[in-house]
Every structure is written in C-alpha cells, then in structure tokens.
Amino acid sequence: MQKDSPFFVSGVHHIAVICSDYPASKRFYTEILGFETLREVYREERDSWKLDLKINGLYQIELFSFPNTPPRPSRPEACGLRHLALKVSDIESAKSHLESKGVLCEDLRVDPHTGKRFTFFSDPDDLPIEFYED
C-alpha cells in the first residue's frame, strides 16, 4: 500500500516459530544465534511456552512450544513460509561460528542478482534459516 493509504505497512513486527523441543530451540536461538530474551511466559492453559526474542534492540521472533505439533511437510518447497533470512556482516565468520557449535551449514553460494554471499542451515526443527551477507 502507499503511504497516503489508510493501511500502511511500516515494517515487520515479528516472525512466529513453533518448535517441538522448547529447551533445544531456546538454546539455539539465544546461545547460538545470539538473540536476546525480551520476555518468557508459560501459558498453563495451553501447555505452551512463548519466548519473545530480539536482536539489535528490535523485537523479531516469537518462539512457541505446543504439545504434539505436526512435522514440517517438506523442505523447503512446502506451501507457506519458505525460510527465515538473517543479515550478517561477515558471512565466513558467521558460518564458522555456527559450525563451531555443531550446526551444519551448506557451502557458501553467491546470489546471481546481487552478488551477495549466503548460506543455509537449519534450526532444531529443521526450519531452513539463511545467513545473507549485508
């Protein structure tokens, strides 16, 4: 929509991710990727954790746990969210950091349209995540 429209999108508020193993995913997003915890709530009525995470002072990811979640149908061409892409300034250092923590990464590739380098890896539930060099 255009700025003069009554409906104007000014940015992304958050991305919601449902995980199957809450402690493993919490560790991955906070200790490995470096997101900071803004708020963590256990919702007893839903037997569900909700973890609000931020990076660089911005609220970006809601991490949820629910009992008996269905698996992701396929990777990555299932209908719906394809992957989460995160900006990094030094792709080689970012990839080395992940690999030092036991996270498998694809080989570095180059975006043929921008010339920027990127790599893919997965979170504990096999959600595809991309590091894209800024």
Foldseek 3Di string as FASTA:
>chain_A
DDPVDPDDDDDDQEAEDEDADVVQLVCCVCVQVNWDWPDWDQDVVQRKIWTFTHDPPGTYYIYMYGPPDDADPDAQPDPDDRAAEDEDADAVVSQVSCVVVVWDKDDWDADPVPRWIKIWTAGPRRGIYMYTHD
